[in-house]
């Protein structure tokens, strides 16, 4: 007998994007520059020196893109707001033209019965705020709350779900530790300061929402389950440190009011003493948790890798994406169940899940055939269903991404989209994965029972 993979009746079926990756026109209509505007325009930071100046031109083509979402049957769409479009200097004067763009996008979505999920911060900090210290400045919690409040007052009448931050670990690690993302710092000592200020900003934005908002607000984290390379004590300890750094660094504070002991021990004297008065703010209750899942990580002890003393072990026997991420769907079930067991059975959404593969250039019968991505989605959706079967309160799934786009430091070299974008003509073409996902949505998951 085949397994029944139908999802709960009110399950949300969505796709996700972010502003700098798709919108283009980053300085249009009075918008202020972001750290990604500067970073991508600095030679050597991005593959082929690509920038988000055009991206997929969603800023002008949003209506046609919403039509594509409707064609796929999406019931929700997760997108981010460019902070600098709303407040060009990061604080102070509001840019009416920036508000108007998102007004039009939200109205277009609602006209197609697609519920917006709006992310306030997906990495494009206004350059004016970076010049004032950015995420290293404690004042940023207030700056972020001011910006969030402007957005709530403008859009909350039509937005049922808000997200404060997307992947604070990436903001910290890639932006301030290894320098692969904007603002391009390379200093492990900045990591705890940035992380703590991100958490304070999240709490401040939630508190601002409680003052005026009428719906739901959550936090989105990227999680990567850690597996020890062996059963040696050294590898197990290294795995715990890696898990503390990536997976528990943001969840333990908001849900348990503390940082993981392995993390503070690994950083030692580099870990600051934070005011006790910060904790009530960081622990401000919120409504749901978003999980971005792409891969697992197998870890070995690595004494020379300071301060975590941990290193990845590549699993060459398994399929890897073009990002060199191992495809390991069962870890998605594992991480969702782990959250339920460690932090309680909280409402959750899979807010990103997807893969970059080397898609064919030409369409056959008008469709780009991407069988590996179809397989990827099938297996991960089955894994999500397995978590629901184990009691996880999972309420929606958002494929990453709706469109091929600007993939940060990888430029346009990696394609995650359900829809192919020709970056010369900007023509959109559905991939077979898009048609498969549309069938998943239409059947509410029943099609997943197939081979």
Protein backbone atom coordinates (compact mmCIF):
# COMPACT_ATOMS: atom_id res chain seq x y z
CA UNK A 1 0.00 0.00 0.00
CA UNK A 2 1.41 3.40 -0.96
CA UNK A 3 1.91 6.09 1.69
CA UNK A 4 -0.66 8.89 1.93
CA UNK A 5 1.29 12.16 1.64
CA UNK A 6 -1.63 14.57 1.77
CA UNK A 7 -0.91 17.61 3.93
CA UNK A 8 -3.27 19.33 6.41
CA UNK A 9 -6.13 21.28 4.84
CA UNK A 10 -4.85 24.76 5.78
CA UNK A 11 -1.22 24.05 4.90
CA UNK A 12 0.39 26.97 3.06
CA UNK A 13 2.09 26.29 -0.27
CA UNK A 14 4.53 29.01 -1.16
CA UNK A 15 7.74 30.15 -2.78
CA UNK A 16 10.28 32.61 -1.46
CA UNK A 17 12.55 35.38 -2.77
CA UNK A 18 14.46 38.35 -1.39
CA UNK A 19 14.58 41.98 -2.47
CA UNK A 20 18.19 42.44 -3.58
CA UNK A 21 18.21 39.09 -5.35
CA UNK A 22 15.28 39.79 -7.68
CA UNK A 23 14.11 43.39 -7.69
CA UNK A 24 16.85 45.24 -9.56
CA UNK A 25 16.69 49.05 -9.70
CA UNK A 26 18.19 49.26 -6.19
CA UNK A 27 18.47 53.07 -6.29
CA UNK A 28 15.22 53.81 -8.12
CA UNK A 29 12.62 56.32 -6.95
CA UNK A 30 14.58 57.72 -4.06
CA UNK A 31 15.88 54.47 -2.51
CA UNK A 32 19.07 54.64 -0.49
CA UNK A 33 22.02 52.34 -1.25
CA UNK A 34 22.50 49.15 0.75
CA UNK A 35 25.63 47.34 1.86
CA UNK A 36 25.04 44.88 -0.98
CA UNK A 37 25.00 47.72 -3.49
CA UNK A 38 28.47 48.71 -2.34
CA UNK A 39 29.77 45.17 -1.83
CA UNK A 40 28.69 43.88 -5.26
CA UNK A 41 30.15 46.94 -6.96
CA UNK A 42 33.55 46.28 -5.36
CA UNK A 43 35.66 44.27 -7.79
CA UNK A 44 36.41 40.73 -6.73
CA UNK A 45 33.62 40.27 -4.22
CA UNK A 46 31.14 38.52 -6.52
CA UNK A 47 31.63 35.91 -9.24
CA UNK A 48 32.05 37.65 -12.63
CA UNK A 49 31.66 40.97 -10.75
CA UNK A 50 27.89 40.55 -11.04
CA UNK A 51 25.61 43.00 -9.24
CA UNK A 52 21.93 43.27 -8.36
CA UNK A 53 21.44 46.35 -10.54
CA UNK A 54 19.03 44.47 -12.82
CA UNK A 55 18.64 41.06 -11.16
CA UNK A 56 15.34 39.70 -12.55
CA UNK A 57 13.83 43.21 -12.85
CA UNK A 58 11.00 42.22 -10.52
CA UNK A 59 10.70 45.91 -9.61
CA UNK A 60 9.08 46.47 -13.01
CA UNK A 61 7.82 42.94 -13.74
CA UNK A 62 6.18 42.12 -10.42
CA UNK A 63 2.67 41.86 -11.91
CA UNK A 64 3.74 39.21 -14.43
CA UNK A 65 5.62 37.37 -11.69
CA UNK A 66 2.48 37.34 -9.55
CA UNK A 67 0.64 35.85 -12.52
CA UNK A 68 3.27 33.08 -12.58
CA UNK A 69 2.69 32.44 -8.88
CA UNK A 70 -1.02 32.16 -9.53
CA UNK A 71 -0.41 29.77 -12.43
CA UNK A 72 1.54 27.52 -10.07
CA UNK A 73 -1.26 27.63 -7.51
CA UNK A 74 0.74 29.26 -4.71
CA UNK A 75 -1.30 30.16 -1.64
CA UNK A 76 1.46 32.27 -0.09
CA UNK A 77 4.52 34.22 -1.23
CA UNK A 78 7.43 35.12 1.01
CA UNK A 79 9.38 38.20 -0.05
CA UNK A 80 11.53 40.78 1.70
CA UNK A 81 11.36 44.55 1.85
CA UNK A 82 14.41 46.61 0.95
CA UNK A 83 14.93 48.73 4.09
CA UNK A 84 16.55 51.51 2.04
CA UNK A 85 13.53 51.83 -0.25
CA UNK A 86 11.42 52.73 2.79
CA UNK A 87 13.98 54.75 4.79
CA UNK A 88 16.81 55.83 2.46
CA UNK A 89 18.99 56.84 5.42
CA UNK A 90 17.89 53.86 7.48
CA UNK A 91 16.00 56.12 9.91
CA UNK A 92 14.15 59.40 9.65
CA UNK A 93 12.34 60.48 6.49
CA UNK A 94 10.08 57.89 4.84
CA UNK A 95 10.24 57.45 1.07
CA UNK A 96 6.65 57.35 -0.20
CA UNK A 97 7.69 55.84 -3.53
CA UNK A 98 9.26 52.88 -1.74
CA UNK A 99 6.07 52.23 0.18
CA UNK A 100 4.11 52.51 -3.05
CA UNK A 101 6.03 49.69 -4.73
CA UNK A 102 5.27 47.23 -1.95
CA UNK A 103 1.68 48.48 -1.77
CA UNK A 104 1.25 47.50 -5.41
CA UNK A 105 2.94 44.12 -4.94
CA UNK A 106 0.81 43.23 -1.91
CA UNK A 107 -2.40 44.26 -3.65
CA UNK A 108 -1.46 42.21 -6.72
CA UNK A 109 -0.88 39.15 -4.53
CA UNK A 110 -4.17 39.53 -2.70
CA UNK A 111 -6.02 39.91 -6.00
CA UNK A 112 -4.78 36.39 -6.83
CA UNK A 113 -5.60 35.03 -3.34
CA UNK A 114 -1.90 34.70 -2.47
CA UNK A 115 -1.14 35.56 1.17
CA UNK A 116 1.98 37.69 1.66
CA UNK A 117 4.64 36.65 4.16
CA UNK A 118 6.90 39.69 4.52
CA UNK A 119 10.51 39.51 5.72
CA UNK A 120 11.78 42.78 7.14
CA UNK A 121 15.49 42.02 6.87
CA UNK A 122 17.12 39.80 4.25
CA UNK A 123 20.67 41.16 4.45
CA UNK A 124 20.39 44.50 2.60
CA UNK A 125 21.26 46.92 5.42
CA UNK A 126 21.16 50.59 4.38
CA UNK A 127 24.68 51.81 3.71
CA UNK A 128 23.98 54.89 5.84
CA UNK A 129 23.51 52.64 8.89
CA UNK A 130 26.61 50.59 8.13
CA UNK A 131 28.54 53.86 8.21
CA UNK A 132 27.26 54.24 11.78
CA UNK A 133 28.52 50.78 12.79
CA UNK A 134 25.78 48.59 11.35
CA UNK A 135 25.13 45.42 13.34
CA UNK A 136 28.06 46.24 15.65
CA UNK A 137 26.19 49.26 17.01
CA UNK A 138 23.73 48.57 19.84
CA UNK A 139 21.54 51.39 18.55
CA UNK A 140 20.57 49.20 15.61
CA UNK A 141 17.86 47.54 17.70
CA UNK A 142 16.08 50.91 17.82
CA UNK A 143 16.77 51.68 14.15
CA UNK A 144 15.29 48.34 13.17
CA UNK A 145 12.19 48.82 15.34
CA UNK A 146 11.62 52.25 13.75
CA UNK A 147 11.81 50.78 10.25
CA UNK A 148 9.61 47.82 11.23
CA UNK A 149 6.97 50.13 12.68
CA UNK A 150 6.76 52.10 9.42
CA UNK A 151 6.16 48.84 7.55
CA UNK A 152 3.56 47.56 10.02
CA UNK A 153 1.57 50.78 9.82
CA UNK A 154 1.67 50.72 6.02
CA UNK A 155 0.99 47.05 5.31
CA UNK A 156 -0.30 45.12 8.34
CA UNK A 157 -3.91 45.56 7.23
CA UNK A 158 -3.05 43.19 4.35
CA UNK A 159 -0.10 41.11 5.59
CA UNK A 160 -1.05 38.14 7.81
CA UNK A 161 2.52 36.99 8.56
CA UNK A 162 5.71 38.93 9.20
CA UNK A 163 9.32 37.78 9.64
CA UNK A 164 11.82 39.93 11.53
CA UNK A 165 15.17 38.52 10.37
CA UNK A 166 16.23 36.02 7.75
CA UNK A 167 19.11 33.73 8.76
CA UNK A 168 20.95 35.79 11.38
CA UNK A 169 23.72 33.17 11.35
CA UNK A 170 24.56 34.04 7.73
CA UNK A 171 24.48 37.76 8.52
CA UNK A 172 27.05 37.15 11.24
CA UNK A 173 29.23 34.39 9.80
CA UNK A 174 29.35 35.38 6.15
CA UNK A 175 29.19 39.13 6.67
CA UNK A 176 31.42 39.66 9.70
CA UNK A 177 33.52 36.51 10.16
CA UNK A 178 34.57 35.19 6.75
CA UNK A 179 33.78 38.28 4.68
CA UNK A 180 32.08 36.44 1.81
CA UNK A 181 28.99 38.66 2.13
CA UNK A 182 28.42 42.33 2.81
CA UNK A 183 29.73 44.22 4.70
CA UNK A 184 32.82 42.03 4.14
CA UNK A 185 34.42 42.00 7.59
CA UNK A 186 36.77 39.19 8.66
CA UNK A 187 36.95 39.16 12.44
CA UNK A 188 35.74 36.32 14.66
CA UNK A 189 35.67 38.72 17.61
CA UNK A 190 32.78 40.59 16.02
CA UNK A 191 30.59 37.47 15.82
CA UNK A 192 29.06 37.52 19.32
CA UNK A 193 28.46 41.29 19.16
CA UNK A 194 26.65 41.06 15.82
CA UNK A 195 24.65 38.01 16.86
CA UNK A 196 23.55 39.63 20.09
CA UNK A 197 22.48 42.84 18.34
CA UNK A 198 20.55 40.84 15.74
CA UNK A 199 18.66 39.13 18.55
CA UNK A 200 18.00 42.45 20.28
CA UNK A 201 16.74 43.90 17.00
CA UNK A 202 14.45 40.90 16.52
CA UNK A 203 13.01 41.40 20.00
CA UNK A 204 12.56 45.13 19.42
CA UNK A 205 10.70 44.50 16.15
CA UNK A 206 8.41 41.97 17.83
CA UNK A 207 7.66 44.44 20.63
CA UNK A 208 6.90 47.14 18.05
CA UNK A 209 4.52 44.73 16.33
CA UNK A 210 2.70 43.97 19.57
CA UNK A 211 1.97 47.70 19.87
CA UNK A 212 0.20 48.01 16.50
CA UNK A 213 0.08 44.67 14.65
CA UNK A 214 -2.96 42.44 14.45
CA UNK A 215 -1.63 39.20 12.96
CA UNK A 216 1.49 37.02 13.37
CA UNK A 217 5.22 37.64 13.48
CA UNK A 218 8.12 35.18 13.55
CA UNK A 219 11.84 34.59 13.15
CA UNK A 220 13.56 32.65 10.35
CA UNK A 221 16.76 30.69 11.02
CA UNK A 222 18.84 28.45 8.79
CA UNK A 223 19.53 25.11 10.41
CA UNK A 224 22.02 22.47 9.38
CA UNK A 225 21.90 19.29 11.49
CA UNK A 226 25.37 18.21 12.59
CA UNK A 227 26.48 14.58 12.42
CA UNK A 228 29.72 13.39 14.01
CA UNK A 229 32.21 11.92 11.55
CA UNK A 230 32.93 9.11 14.03
CA UNK A 231 31.96 8.01 17.51
CA UNK A 232 35.20 9.35 18.98
CA UNK A 233 34.87 11.73 21.92
CA UNK A 234 36.80 14.39 20.01
CA UNK A 235 34.50 14.28 16.97
CA UNK A 236 31.39 14.26 19.16
CA UNK A 237 32.62 17.31 21.07
CA UNK A 238 33.48 19.12 17.82
CA UNK A 239 30.01 18.33 16.51
CA UNK A 240 28.45 19.85 19.63
CA UNK A 241 30.49 23.04 19.15
CA UNK A 242 29.48 23.28 15.50
CA UNK A 243 25.84 22.72 16.42
CA UNK A 244 26.02 25.40 19.11
CA UNK A 245 27.49 27.91 16.67
CA UNK A 246 25.06 27.39 13.82
CA UNK A 247 21.88 25.87 15.21
CA UNK A 248 21.54 26.82 18.86
CA UNK A 249 23.16 30.26 18.85
CA UNK A 250 19.86 31.93 17.91
CA UNK A 251 17.29 29.46 19.25
CA UNK A 252 18.60 28.97 22.79
CA UNK A 253 18.55 32.74 23.49
CA UNK A 254 15.00 33.39 22.23
CA UNK A 255 13.49 30.25 23.77
CA UNK A 256 15.71 29.51 26.78
CA UNK A 257 17.29 32.85 27.65
CA UNK A 258 20.91 31.78 27.32
CA UNK A 259 23.70 31.09 24.87
CA UNK A 260 24.94 27.50 24.46
CA UNK A 261 27.73 26.67 26.91
CA UNK A 262 29.86 25.14 24.12
CA UNK A 263 29.77 28.46 22.28
CA UNK A 264 30.83 30.70 25.12
CA UNK A 265 33.53 28.21 26.11
CA UNK A 266 34.89 28.03 22.54
CA UNK A 267 35.09 31.83 22.24
CA UNK A 268 36.48 32.26 25.74
CA UNK A 269 37.74 35.80 26.30
CA UNK A 270 36.34 36.85 22.90
CA UNK A 271 32.80 36.44 24.25
CA UNK A 272 31.59 39.72 25.82
CA UNK A 273 29.56 40.12 28.98
CA UNK A 274 26.13 41.32 27.85
CA UNK A 275 23.76 43.30 30.10
CA UNK A 276 21.26 41.14 31.94
CA UNK A 277 18.59 43.64 30.93
CA UNK A 278 18.92 42.49 27.30
CA UNK A 279 17.37 39.11 27.99
CA UNK A 280 13.72 40.08 28.46
CA UNK A 281 13.92 41.86 25.10
CA UNK A 282 15.53 38.90 23.34
CA UNK A 283 12.98 36.52 24.84
CA UNK A 284 9.96 38.54 23.71
CA UNK A 285 7.43 35.84 22.68
CA UNK A 286 6.69 35.53 18.96
CA UNK A 287 4.19 33.51 16.95
CA UNK A 288 6.05 31.12 14.67
CA UNK A 289 9.48 29.86 13.70
CA UNK A 290 10.64 29.64 10.09
CA UNK A 291 13.21 27.00 9.16
CA UNK A 292 15.47 27.30 6.13
CA UNK A 293 16.93 23.88 5.37
CA UNK A 294 19.31 22.92 2.58
CA UNK A 295 21.75 20.30 3.86
CA UNK A 296 23.33 18.54 6.82
CA UNK A 297 26.95 18.78 7.95
CA UNK A 298 29.27 15.92 8.97
CA UNK A 299 31.85 17.19 11.47
CA UNK A 300 35.30 16.11 12.64
CA UNK A 301 37.57 17.48 15.30
CA UNK A 302 39.99 20.07 13.89
CA UNK A 303 42.23 21.58 16.61
CA UNK A 304 43.76 24.15 14.26
CA UNK A 305 40.37 25.65 13.29
CA UNK A 306 39.89 28.33 15.92
CA UNK A 307 37.79 28.98 17.84
CA UNK A 308 35.35 26.12 17.14
CA UNK A 309 37.97 23.44 16.44
CA UNK A 310 35.59 21.74 14.00
CA UNK A 311 35.65 21.04 10.27
CA UNK A 312 33.30 19.67 7.63
CA UNK A 313 33.81 16.20 6.18
CA UNK A 314 32.49 16.01 2.62
CA UNK A 315 30.30 12.96 1.97
CA UNK A 316 31.40 12.15 -1.57
CA UNK A 317 29.15 9.09 -1.91
CA UNK A 318 25.97 11.23 -1.97
CA UNK A 319 24.52 13.66 -4.52
CA UNK A 320 25.64 17.27 -4.09
CA UNK A 321 24.11 20.41 -5.54
CA UNK A 322 25.98 23.02 -7.57
CA UNK A 323 26.65 24.77 -4.25
CA UNK A 324 28.40 21.56 -3.15
CA UNK A 325 25.71 20.97 -0.53
CA UNK A 326 24.99 17.32 0.19
CA UNK A 327 21.41 16.28 -0.56
CA UNK A 328 20.19 14.61 2.63
CA UNK A 329 16.39 14.90 3.01
CA UNK A 330 16.06 12.82 6.18
CA UNK A 331 17.93 15.51 8.12
CA UNK A 332 14.98 17.84 7.49
CA UNK A 333 12.73 15.50 9.43
CA UNK A 334 15.39 15.22 12.11
CA UNK A 335 15.76 18.96 12.61
CA UNK A 336 12.01 19.64 12.75
CA UNK A 337 11.51 16.91 15.35
CA UNK A 338 14.56 18.18 17.27
CA UNK A 339 13.02 21.65 17.54
CA UNK A 340 9.79 20.13 18.86
CA UNK A 341 11.68 18.11 21.45
CA UNK A 342 14.08 20.86 22.57
CA UNK A 343 11.92 23.98 22.41
CA UNK A 344 8.33 22.73 22.48
CA UNK A 345 5.86 22.12 19.68
CA UNK A 346 5.78 25.58 18.20
CA UNK A 347 4.07 26.58 14.95
CA UNK A 348 6.67 26.20 12.19
CA UNK A 349 7.04 26.89 8.50
CA UNK A 350 9.72 25.61 6.16
CA UNK A 351 10.50 29.07 4.83
CA UNK A 352 13.23 28.00 2.38
CA UNK A 353 14.14 24.68 0.81
CA UNK A 354 15.59 24.16 -2.64
CA UNK A 355 18.63 23.37 -4.74
CA UNK A 356 20.92 24.80 -7.39
CA UNK A 357 21.50 22.38 -10.25
CA UNK A 358 23.04 22.78 -13.70
CA UNK A 359 19.85 23.30 -15.70
CA UNK A 360 19.78 22.82 -19.48
CA UNK A 361 19.94 25.99 -21.54
CA UNK A 362 17.13 25.16 -23.97
CA UNK A 363 13.51 24.38 -23.24
CA UNK A 364 11.86 21.25 -24.66
CA UNK A 365 8.23 21.92 -25.56
CA UNK A 366 8.53 25.17 -23.65
CA UNK A 367 9.75 23.53 -20.41
CA UNK A 368 13.21 23.38 -18.89
CA UNK A 369 13.71 19.77 -17.81
CA UNK A 370 15.34 19.66 -14.34
CA UNK A 371 14.79 16.11 -13.02
CA UNK A 372 17.28 16.45 -10.15
CA UNK A 373 15.34 19.38 -8.72
CA UNK A 374 12.06 17.47 -9.10
CA UNK A 375 13.63 14.60 -7.17
CA UNK A 376 15.00 17.02 -4.55
CA UNK A 377 11.59 18.57 -3.91
CA UNK A 378 9.80 15.23 -3.84
CA UNK A 379 12.14 13.78 -1.23
CA UNK A 380 12.19 16.89 0.97
CA UNK A 381 8.42 17.27 0.89
CA UNK A 382 8.13 13.64 1.92
CA UNK A 383 10.57 14.39 4.77
CA UNK A 384 8.43 17.35 5.82
CA UNK A 385 5.37 15.12 5.85
CA UNK A 386 7.27 12.59 7.99
CA UNK A 387 7.81 15.34 10.56
CA UNK A 388 4.08 16.13 10.62
CA UNK A 389 3.42 12.42 11.14
CA UNK A 390 5.69 12.64 14.21
CA UNK A 391 3.61 15.45 15.67
CA UNK A 392 5.44 18.55 14.43
CA UNK A 393 3.15 21.58 14.05
CA UNK A 394 4.28 22.38 10.50
CA UNK A 395 1.98 24.84 8.77
CA UNK A 396 3.56 25.60 5.42
CA UNK A 397 6.35 25.08 2.90
CA UNK A 398 8.09 27.71 0.77
CA UNK A 399 10.26 26.57 -2.12
CA UNK A 400 13.50 28.46 -2.70
CA UNK A 401 13.26 30.04 -5.05
CA UNK A 402 10.48 31.25 -7.29
CA UNK A 403 12.99 32.63 -9.81
CA UNK A 404 16.59 32.13 -10.79
CA UNK A 405 18.23 35.20 -9.31
CA UNK A 406 21.31 36.98 -8.00
CA UNK A 407 22.81 34.35 -5.70
CA UNK A 408 24.82 36.74 -3.53
CA UNK A 409 28.58 36.12 -3.82
CA UNK A 410 27.89 33.54 -6.56
CA UNK A 411 26.29 36.19 -8.77
CA UNK A 412 24.22 34.64 -11.54
CA UNK A 413 26.30 31.45 -11.70
CA UNK A 414 23.94 29.33 -9.55
CA UNK A 415 20.28 28.74 -10.34
CA UNK A 416 17.76 27.85 -7.62
CA UNK A 417 14.57 28.85 -9.41
CA UNK A 418 11.38 26.96 -10.17
CA UNK A 419 11.26 29.42 -13.06
CA UNK A 420 14.25 29.94 -15.34
CA UNK A 421 15.27 33.53 -15.99
CA UNK A 422 17.29 34.38 -19.09
CA UNK A 423 19.52 37.06 -17.64
CA UNK A 424 20.03 38.65 -21.07
CA UNK A 425 16.36 38.95 -22.08
CA UNK A 426 14.77 38.47 -18.62
CA UNK A 427 12.34 36.00 -20.19
CA UNK A 428 10.76 33.60 -17.69
CA UNK A 429 10.33 29.88 -18.48
CA UNK A 430 8.74 27.29 -16.22
CA UNK A 431 10.95 24.34 -15.32
CA UNK A 432 9.61 20.84 -14.88
CA UNK A 433 10.14 21.31 -11.13
CA UNK A 434 7.64 24.18 -11.26
CA UNK A 435 5.07 21.97 -12.96
CA UNK A 436 5.76 19.21 -10.43
CA UNK A 437 5.33 21.63 -7.53
CA UNK A 438 2.08 22.87 -9.06
CA UNK A 439 0.84 19.26 -9.04
CA UNK A 440 1.90 18.87 -5.41
CA UNK A 441 -0.13 21.97 -4.55
CA UNK A 442 -3.12 20.92 -6.66
CA UNK A 443 -3.20 17.47 -5.05
CA UNK A 444 -2.28 18.80 -1.59
CA UNK A 445 0.63 16.42 -1.58
CA UNK A 446 -1.11 13.27 -2.85
CA UNK A 447 1.14 13.20 -5.92
CA UNK A 448 4.13 12.60 -3.64
CA UNK A 449 3.03 8.99 -3.28
CA UNK A 450 4.26 8.38 -6.85
CA UNK A 451 7.67 7.00 -7.76
